[in-house]
Amino acid sequence: MGSSEHAPTPEGAPVNHPHQEDLLLCCENLVIGYQGQPLLPPINLQVRRGTFLAVIGRNGSGKSTWFKTLLGLLPPVSGRVFRTGEHVKSAYVPQTSGIDGLLPVRARELVRWGRLSGWNFLRPFFSREDRHAVEAALESAGAVPIAHRPYRELSEGQKQRALLARVLATQADLVLLDEPTAAMDAVAERETMKRLAELARAKSLAVVVVSHDLRVAAEFADQLLFVDKETPAVVMGDANTVFCHPAFRHQYGDDYCPSHSPSGHPRGPAAG
């Protein structure tokens, strides 16, 4: 059923790594799909602290299905996906369109929601630790200047910074973002991806992003995961490995692969 490639690991073989404490998420022979029908070949990958993984592919290629399976919203057809410890905390950032733009809330209050998981009636008010976590999250996400502003008045880039700050306030280990730059202009998009890459390393987070911009994803992500239900194929590796793979070139042409591009260099921005 198509190809499943994870450079430099042999097909179907889980990756072994001496620092198992850095491992946060595993997919082992994970087959995703609906009602028992496979959508892609088996996926084998491991996500570690301090890494930034970008998921790319055409619309309808299986990106969202894989994401929903990671989140537990869809059951696997076969195989498994699991977090490697009971104390691994994960957080999900939807597209900004998934948040009601009419919410009468300021950005700082939205970020405070990230601290509600530990709320109980014996401690109905935010603690000093909560307040510190919120302010630190606003600072890390570059959202301090917009903290006092109503969420509905923010630009798409500013909204995404507020949502990212909310996730950081949870002090999660694993952050999953669904096309966080989909409604942004090119400048805001690049700034957001750069910030995510910096946060992954500075905060020792694992960041997994579904991205529609191939160039920006390749520039900032440590690895790319390309999925394609048409071929079908799953390819994981650096930009050259993915962009020069036959399944990728079938969908996007040769211009992104340096060895096949007429200029010898990947071409400029394009959406996937």
Foldseek 3Di string as FASTA:
>chain_A
DFAEAAPPDPPQDADDDPPCVFWFKWFHQFFFDPPLDGQFGGYTDTFGFLFEEEEEEDVVQCPVRVVCCQVVNGPTSDTDMDTDDPPAFEDEAEALVVDPLPPQDFLLVLLLVLVCVPDDPVCNDDDPLLVVLSVVLCVLLVQVVRRGPGLSPDDLLNNLSSSSSSRSSNVGQEYEYEASCPRDDPVSVLVNLQSVSVCSNVSRHGYYYHHFKLVSCLVRGQKYWYAGSVSGYTYMDHQQRQLPDPVNCVVVNNQQHLVRRPVSHRDDIDTD
